[in-house]
Amino acid sequence: MAEKQKLTLSVEKELVEKAKKLGVNISEITENVLRHISETEIKEVVTKEEINAAYEKLFNTMLPAMEKFGASVEVGKVWFDENHSFTVKLLNNGELWIPDIEQTTKIEGVSVDSPKKILSNFIESLVNASEKNKEKLKELEIFRKIIEALTETSVSKK
């Protein structure tokens, strides 16, 4: 294993708290990101198609965690006209969905948010989905106990 060096990193407090809630190892992620950045070669000329392909790679990387938590992430907008837009969400099945008009779209038609905004939305959606899952599990346990009590009462009266 390579020798490690201590690094001081400043991260928004709220982001650190959210990462802890999700059980994320910030040191490990930082190391992996730095490794990938140092290995990434940036071309001199980059086309819109290459940017879209990079966003699709980003989205595909997000999908396993989204599926695990049952989350969707806001990733951009589609514009109806210069004054009206609709939110676009990445669903955990990989589709880009426009909730307001209940329709899928392709990345080419989306005004995609910045990677930083998408990362923030991604973390926020995982935390929110985890909280909803926790509440749902709690509710399921309560109703299971009610049904157990009803079953015990009805069976013991026979």
C-alpha atoms as a PDB file:
ATOM      1  CA  MET A   1       0.000   0.000   0.000  1.00  0.00           C
ATOM      2  CA  ALA A   2       1.254   3.482  -0.873  1.00  0.00           C
ATOM      3  CA  GLU A   3       2.411   5.786   1.883  1.00  0.00           C
ATOM      4  CA  LYS A   4      -0.371   8.155   3.034  1.00  0.00           C
ATOM      5  CA  GLN A   5      -0.017  11.872   3.679  1.00  0.00           C
ATOM      6  CA  LYS A   6      -2.293  13.859   5.943  1.00  0.00           C
ATOM      7  CA  LEU A   7      -4.443  16.464   4.158  1.00  0.00           C
ATOM      8  CA  THR A   8      -6.573  19.258   5.562  1.00  0.00           C
ATOM      9  CA  LEU A   9      -9.786  19.659   3.596  1.00  0.00           C
ATOM     10  CA  SER A  10     -12.501  22.246   4.178  1.00  0.00           C
ATOM     11  CA  VAL A  11     -15.985  21.033   3.355  1.00  0.00           C
ATOM     12  CA  GLU A  12     -19.368  22.593   4.088  1.00  0.00           C
ATOM     13  CA  LYS A  13     -20.495  21.418   7.537  1.00  0.00           C
ATOM     14  CA  GLU A  14     -23.943  20.447   6.260  1.00  0.00           C
ATOM     15  CA  LEU A  15     -22.387  18.288   3.544  1.00  0.00           C
ATOM     16  CA  VAL A  16     -20.209  16.473   6.088  1.00  0.00           C
ATOM     17  CA  GLU A  17     -23.255  15.785   8.276  1.00  0.00           C
ATOM     18  CA  LYS A  18     -25.205  14.430   5.312  1.00  0.00           C
ATOM     19  CA  ALA A  19     -22.282  12.230   4.291  1.00  0.00           C
ATOM     20  CA  LYS A  20     -22.077  10.819   7.827  1.00  0.00           C
ATOM     21  CA  LYS A  21     -25.819  10.043   7.774  1.00  0.00           C
ATOM     22  CA  LEU A  22     -25.275   8.052   4.593  1.00  0.00           C
ATOM     23  CA  GLY A  23     -22.223   6.267   6.021  1.00  0.00           C
ATOM     24  CA  VAL A  24     -19.914   7.860   3.458  1.00  0.00           C
ATOM     25  CA  ASN A  25     -16.159   7.785   4.095  1.00  0.00           C
ATOM     26  CA  ILE A  26     -15.086  11.282   3.004  1.00  0.00           C
ATOM     27  CA  SER A  27     -11.356  10.445   3.108  1.00  0.00           C
ATOM     28  CA  GLU A  28     -11.838   7.445   0.828  1.00  0.00           C
ATOM     29  CA  ILE A  29     -13.989   9.400  -1.609  1.00  0.00           C
ATOM     30  CA  THR A  30     -11.528  12.307  -1.684  1.00  0.00           C
ATOM     31  CA  GLU A  31      -8.653   9.934  -2.409  1.00  0.00           C
ATOM     32  CA  ASN A  32     -10.594   8.215  -5.214  1.00  0.00           C
ATOM     33  CA  VAL A  33     -11.610  11.532  -6.764  1.00  0.00           C
ATOM     34  CA  LEU A  34      -8.056  12.868  -6.663  1.00  0.00           C
ATOM     35  CA  ARG A  35      -6.794   9.642  -8.229  1.00  0.00           C
ATOM     36  CA  HIS A  36      -9.335   9.892 -11.066  1.00  0.00           C
ATOM     37  CA  ILE A  37      -8.689  13.583 -11.634  1.00  0.00           C
ATOM     38  CA  SER A  38      -4.946  13.014 -11.907  1.00  0.00           C
ATOM     39  CA  GLU A  39      -5.564  10.238 -14.455  1.00  0.00           C
ATOM     40  CA  THR A  40      -8.050  12.235 -16.559  1.00  0.00           C
ATOM     41  CA  GLU A  41      -6.772  13.727 -19.768  1.00  0.00           C
ATOM     42  CA  ILE A  42      -8.569  16.878 -20.994  1.00  0.00           C
ATOM     43  CA  LYS A  43      -8.738  17.420 -24.731  1.00  0.00           C
ATOM     44  CA  GLU A  44      -8.086  20.772 -26.402  1.00  0.00           C
ATOM     45  CA  VAL A  45     -11.396  20.787 -28.300  1.00  0.00           C
ATOM     46  CA  VAL A  46     -14.557  19.416 -26.658  1.00  0.00           C
ATOM     47  CA  THR A  47     -17.922  19.114 -28.421  1.00  0.00           C
ATOM     48  CA  LYS A  48     -21.443  19.351 -27.004  1.00  0.00           C
ATOM     49  CA  GLU A  49     -21.872  15.627 -27.711  1.00  0.00           C
ATOM     50  CA  GLU A  50     -18.819  14.869 -25.552  1.00  0.00           C
ATOM     51  CA  ILE A  51     -20.259  16.989 -22.738  1.00  0.00           C
ATOM     52  CA  ASN A  52     -23.579  15.118 -22.997  1.00  0.00           C
ATOM     53  CA  ALA A  53     -21.713  11.798 -22.956  1.00  0.00           C
ATOM     54  CA  ALA A  54     -19.822  12.928 -19.839  1.00  0.00           C
ATOM     55  CA  TYR A  55     -23.108  13.830 -18.133  1.00  0.00           C
ATOM     56  CA  GLU A  56     -24.527  10.430 -19.069  1.00  0.00           C
ATOM     57  CA  LYS A  57     -21.451   8.764 -17.510  1.00  0.00           C
ATOM     58  CA  LEU A  58     -21.991  10.851 -14.380  1.00  0.00           C
ATOM     59  CA  PHE A  59     -25.664   9.842 -14.262  1.00  0.00           C
ATOM     60  CA  ASN A  60     -24.829   6.155 -14.745  1.00  0.00           C
ATOM     61  CA  THR A  61     -22.362   6.388 -11.864  1.00  0.00           C
ATOM     62  CA  MET A  62     -25.117   7.817  -9.643  1.00  0.00           C
ATOM     63  CA  LEU A  63     -27.693   5.118 -10.453  1.00  0.00           C
ATOM     64  CA  PRO A  64     -26.622   2.311  -8.067  1.00  0.00           C
ATOM     65  CA  ALA A  65     -26.927   4.550  -4.990  1.00  0.00           C
ATOM     66  CA  MET A  66     -30.162   6.056  -6.281  1.00  0.00           C
ATOM     67  CA  GLU A  67     -31.622   2.601  -6.812  1.00  0.00           C
ATOM     68  CA  LYS A  68     -30.455   1.446  -3.365  1.00  0.00           C
ATOM     69  CA  PHE A  69     -32.286   4.322  -1.635  1.00  0.00           C
ATOM     70  CA  GLY A  70     -35.182   4.683  -4.109  1.00  0.00           C
ATOM     71  CA  ALA A  71     -34.162   8.245  -4.941  1.00  0.00           C
ATOM     72  CA  SER A  72     -34.506  10.541  -7.929  1.00  0.00           C
ATOM     73  CA  VAL A  73     -32.338  13.608  -8.538  1.00  0.00           C
ATOM     74  CA  GLU A  74     -33.081  16.978 -10.117  1.00  0.00           C
ATOM     75  CA  VAL A  75     -30.492  17.423 -12.877  1.00  0.00           C
ATOM     76  CA  GLY A  76     -31.707  20.335 -14.983  1.00  0.00           C
ATOM     77  CA  LYS A  77     -34.539  21.959 -16.878  1.00  0.00           C
ATOM     78  CA  VAL A  78     -36.215  21.930 -20.254  1.00  0.00           C
ATOM     79  CA  TRP A  79     -37.420  25.257 -21.548  1.00  0.00           C
ATOM     80  CA  PHE A  80     -40.947  25.589 -22.932  1.00  0.00           C
ATOM     81  CA  ASP A  81     -40.210  29.144 -24.045  1.00  0.00           C
ATOM     82  CA  GLU A  82     -37.844  31.865 -22.825  1.00  0.00           C
ATOM     83  CA  ASN A  83     -39.945  32.440 -19.679  1.00  0.00           C
ATOM     84  CA  HIS A  84     -41.159  28.946 -18.773  1.00  0.00           C
ATOM     85  CA  SER A  85     -39.179  25.868 -17.859  1.00  0.00           C
ATOM     86  CA  PHE A  86     -39.854  22.441 -16.394  1.00  0.00           C
ATOM     87  CA  THR A  87     -37.674  20.555 -13.930  1.00  0.00           C
ATOM     88  CA  VAL A  88     -35.948  17.400 -15.197  1.00  0.00           C
ATOM     89  CA  LYS A  89     -35.243  14.541 -12.806  1.00  0.00           C
ATOM     90  CA  LEU A  90     -32.976  11.566 -13.221  1.00  0.00           C
ATOM     91  CA  LEU A  91     -34.979   8.534 -12.093  1.00  0.00           C
ATOM     92  CA  ASN A  92     -33.291   5.552 -10.492  1.00  0.00           C
ATOM     93  CA  ASN A  93     -33.942   3.532 -13.662  1.00  0.00           C
ATOM     94  CA  GLY A  94     -31.792   5.971 -15.693  1.00  0.00           C
ATOM     95  CA  GLU A  95     -34.626   7.836 -17.408  1.00  0.00           C
ATOM     96  CA  LEU A  96     -34.768  11.613 -17.555  1.00  0.00           C
ATOM     97  CA  TRP A  97     -38.278  12.559 -16.433  1.00  0.00           C
ATOM     98  CA  ILE A  98     -40.218  15.816 -16.636  1.00  0.00           C
ATOM     99  CA  PRO A  99     -42.726  15.509 -13.757  1.00  0.00           C
ATOM    100  CA  ASP A 100     -44.866  18.521 -14.712  1.00  0.00           C
ATOM    101  CA  ILE A 101     -45.787  17.040 -18.088  1.00  0.00           C
ATOM    102  CA  GLU A 102     -45.217  13.363 -17.156  1.00  0.00           C
ATOM    103  CA  GLN A 103     -42.874  12.660 -20.013  1.00  0.00           C
ATOM    104  CA  THR A 104     -39.364  11.349 -20.551  1.00  0.00           C
ATOM    105  CA  THR A 105     -36.742  13.333 -22.441  1.00  0.00           C
ATOM    106  CA  LYS A 106     -33.278  12.921 -23.909  1.00  0.00           C
ATOM    107  CA  ILE A 107     -30.219  14.705 -22.538  1.00  0.00           C
ATOM    108  CA  GLU A 108     -29.822  16.675 -25.776  1.00  0.00           C
ATOM    109  CA  GLY A 109     -32.951  18.688 -24.928  1.00  0.00           C
ATOM    110  CA  VAL A 110     -32.029  19.384 -21.313  1.00  0.00           C
ATOM    111  CA  SER A 111     -30.342  22.458 -19.905  1.00  0.00           C
ATOM    112  CA  VAL A 112     -28.267  20.380 -17.479  1.00  0.00           C
ATOM    113  CA  ASP A 113     -27.240  21.831 -14.108  1.00  0.00           C
ATOM    114  CA  SER A 114     -23.586  22.237 -13.174  1.00  0.00           C
ATOM    115  CA  PRO A 115     -21.854  19.120 -11.808  1.00  0.00           C
ATOM    116  CA  LYS A 116     -21.565  20.855  -8.419  1.00  0.00           C
ATOM    117  CA  LYS A 117     -25.340  21.472  -8.300  1.00  0.00           C
ATOM    118  CA  ILE A 118     -26.041  17.900  -9.408  1.00  0.00           C
ATOM    119  CA  LEU A 119     -23.744  16.546  -6.678  1.00  0.00           C
ATOM    120  CA  SER A 120     -25.512  18.667  -4.082  1.00  0.00           C
ATOM    121  CA  ASN A 121     -28.932  17.526  -5.340  1.00  0.00           C
ATOM    122  CA  PHE A 122     -27.699  13.914  -5.401  1.00  0.00           C
ATOM    123  CA  ILE A 123     -26.569  13.954  -1.777  1.00  0.00           C
ATOM    124  CA  GLU A 124     -29.710  15.778  -0.685  1.00  0.00           C
ATOM    125  CA  SER A 125     -31.948  13.278  -2.481  1.00  0.00           C
ATOM    126  CA  LEU A 126     -30.149  10.290  -0.924  1.00  0.00           C
ATOM    127  CA  VAL A 127     -30.503  11.769   2.554  1.00  0.00           C
ATOM    128  CA  ASN A 128     -34.194  12.558   1.970  1.00  0.00           C
ATOM    129  CA  ALA A 129     -34.877   9.098   0.543  1.00  0.00           C
ATOM    130  CA  SER A 130     -33.100   7.495   3.491  1.00  0.00           C
ATOM    131  CA  GLU A 131     -35.243   9.503   5.925  1.00  0.00           C
ATOM    132  CA  LYS A 132     -38.441   8.523   4.054  1.00  0.00           C
ATOM    133  CA  ASN A 133     -37.327   4.887   4.096  1.00  0.00           C
ATOM    134  CA  LYS A 134     -36.727   5.109   7.841  1.00  0.00           C
ATOM    135  CA  GLU A 135     -40.225   6.539   8.393  1.00  0.00           C
ATOM    136  CA  LYS A 136     -41.814   3.918   6.139  1.00  0.00           C
ATOM    137  CA  LEU A 137     -39.998   1.110   7.970  1.00  0.00           C
ATOM    138  CA  LYS A 138     -41.166   2.521  11.311  1.00  0.00           C
ATOM    139  CA  GLU A 139     -44.760   2.692  10.037  1.00  0.00           C
ATOM    140  CA  LEU A 140     -44.570  -0.856   8.684  1.00  0.00           C
ATOM    141  CA  GLU A 141     -43.315  -2.138  12.045  1.00  0.00           C
ATOM    142  CA  ILE A 142     -46.164  -0.387  13.897  1.00  0.00           C
ATOM    143  CA  PHE A 143     -48.790  -1.882  11.584  1.00  0.00           C
ATOM    144  CA  ARG A 144     -47.167  -5.310  11.762  1.00  0.00           C
ATOM    145  CA  LYS A 145     -47.437  -5.149  15.563  1.00  0.00           C
ATOM    146  CA  ILE A 146     -51.084  -4.069  15.336  1.00  0.00           C
ATOM    147  CA  ILE A 147     -51.845  -7.007  13.040  1.00  0.00           C
ATOM    148  CA  GLU A 148     -49.965  -9.368  15.360  1.00  0.00           C
ATOM    149  CA  ALA A 149     -52.025  -8.113  18.300  1.00  0.00           C
ATOM    150  CA  LEU A 150     -55.277  -8.492  16.323  1.00  0.00           C
ATOM    151  CA  THR A 151     -54.299 -11.970  15.200  1.00  0.00           C
ATOM    152  CA  GLU A 152     -53.361 -13.074  18.727  1.00  0.00           C
ATOM    153  CA  THR A 153     -56.653 -11.700  20.087  1.00  0.00           C
ATOM    154  CA  SER A 154     -58.806 -13.356  17.430  1.00  0.00           C
ATOM    155  CA  VAL A 155     -56.968 -16.686  17.647  1.00  0.00           C
ATOM    156  CA  SER A 156     -57.076 -16.836  21.460  1.00  0.00           C
ATOM    157  CA  LYS A 157     -60.895 -16.257  21.476  1.00  0.00           C
ATOM    158  CA  LYS A 158     -61.554 -19.454  19.480  1.00  0.00           C
END
